[in-house]
Amino acid sequence: MKIENFFNNIKSIAIVGLSDNPERPSFEVGKYLMRHGFKIFPVNPNIDNFLGIRSIFPFGNLAILIVPKIFSFSLIIKSGSINKI
């Protein structure tokens, strides 16, 4: 499957580690995805909301991990998604 086709089927995206700080790269990622019509689910226990969208835990169709790479594998294992990779 081509990446273009993959994203054509995605409507909602959970962004793990999304920051409400405009100086963080994840802020720009979230803003970009919203601007392009994706419904986002901010997943970050350290923020209340992202541009008015409440930070919650349930995931969308796709989760984007924006954390230091040292934590990435650990988060995948904890999420239970390791068997789906």
Protein backbone atom coordinates (compact mmCIF):
# COMPACT_ATOMS: atom_id res chain seq x y z
CA MET A 1 0.00 0.00 0.00
CA LYS A 2 1.30 3.45 -0.90
CA ILE A 3 1.51 6.04 1.86
CA GLU A 4 -0.86 8.30 -0.08
CA ASN A 5 -3.54 5.60 -0.09
CA PHE A 6 -2.98 4.84 3.59
CA PHE A 7 -3.68 8.40 4.66
CA ASN A 8 -6.73 8.66 2.38
CA ASN A 9 -8.47 6.17 4.68
CA ILE A 10 -7.50 7.89 7.95
CA LYS A 11 -10.06 10.29 9.42
CA SER A 12 -8.98 10.58 13.05
CA ILE A 13 -5.55 10.51 14.66
CA ALA A 14 -4.50 10.25 18.30
CA ILE A 15 -1.34 12.23 18.88
CA VAL A 16 0.53 10.90 21.90
CA GLY A 17 2.68 13.57 23.49
CA LEU A 18 0.90 16.48 21.80
CA SER A 19 1.94 19.74 23.42
CA ASP A 20 -0.07 22.92 23.89
CA ASN A 21 3.21 24.88 23.71
CA PRO A 22 3.52 26.56 20.27
CA GLU A 23 7.31 26.24 20.48
CA ARG A 24 7.16 22.41 20.48
CA PRO A 25 7.23 20.44 17.19
CA SER A 26 4.17 18.41 18.22
CA PHE A 27 2.10 21.61 18.39
CA GLU A 28 2.79 22.27 14.72
CA VAL A 29 1.99 18.66 13.81
CA GLY A 30 -1.39 18.86 15.55
CA LYS A 31 -2.21 22.23 14.01
CA TYR A 32 -1.23 20.99 10.53
CA LEU A 33 -3.36 17.86 10.79
CA MET A 34 -6.38 19.84 12.01
CA ARG A 35 -5.95 22.35 9.19
CA HIS A 36 -6.02 19.46 6.71
CA GLY A 37 -9.29 18.03 8.00
CA PHE A 38 -8.20 15.32 10.41
CA LYS A 39 -10.02 14.87 13.70
CA ILE A 40 -7.31 14.70 16.34
CA PHE A 41 -7.29 13.23 19.82
CA PRO A 42 -4.65 14.89 22.02
CA VAL A 43 -3.15 12.29 24.37
CA ASN A 44 -1.06 13.97 27.03
CA PRO A 45 -1.78 13.81 30.76
CA ASN A 46 0.10 17.10 31.21
CA ILE A 47 -2.31 19.29 29.20
CA ASP A 48 -6.03 19.99 29.55
CA ASN A 49 -6.65 20.73 25.87
CA PHE A 50 -5.07 21.44 22.51
CA LEU A 51 -6.59 24.37 20.65
CA GLY A 52 -9.89 23.71 22.41
CA ILE A 53 -9.87 19.91 22.02
CA ARG A 54 -9.85 18.15 25.39
CA SER A 55 -6.87 15.88 26.04
CA ILE A 56 -8.23 12.34 26.36
CA PHE A 57 -6.96 8.77 26.26
CA PRO A 58 -9.05 6.87 23.64
CA PHE A 59 -7.22 6.54 20.34
CA GLY A 60 -8.40 7.33 16.82
CA ASN A 61 -7.50 5.22 13.79
CA LEU A 62 -3.81 6.02 14.08
CA ALA A 63 -1.50 7.08 16.91
CA ILE A 64 1.51 9.29 16.28
CA LEU A 65 4.10 9.08 19.05
CA ILE A 66 5.94 12.35 19.59
CA VAL A 67 8.25 11.54 22.44
CA PRO A 68 12.00 11.21 22.81
CA LYS A 69 13.09 8.07 20.95
CA ILE A 70 14.36 6.52 24.18
CA PHE A 71 10.70 6.10 25.30
CA SER A 72 9.09 5.03 21.99
CA PHE A 73 9.55 1.27 22.19
CA SER A 74 8.45 1.20 25.82
CA LEU A 75 5.24 3.09 24.95
CA ILE A 76 4.42 0.70 22.11
CA ILE A 77 4.83 -2.30 24.41
CA LYS A 78 2.69 -0.69 27.13
CA SER A 79 -0.05 0.18 24.64
CA GLY A 80 -0.43 -3.48 23.69
CA SER A 81 0.20 -2.65 20.04
CA ILE A 82 3.47 -4.55 19.77
CA ASN A 83 1.61 -7.58 18.38
CA LYS A 84 0.15 -5.47 15.59
CA ILE A 85 3.48 -4.22 14.24
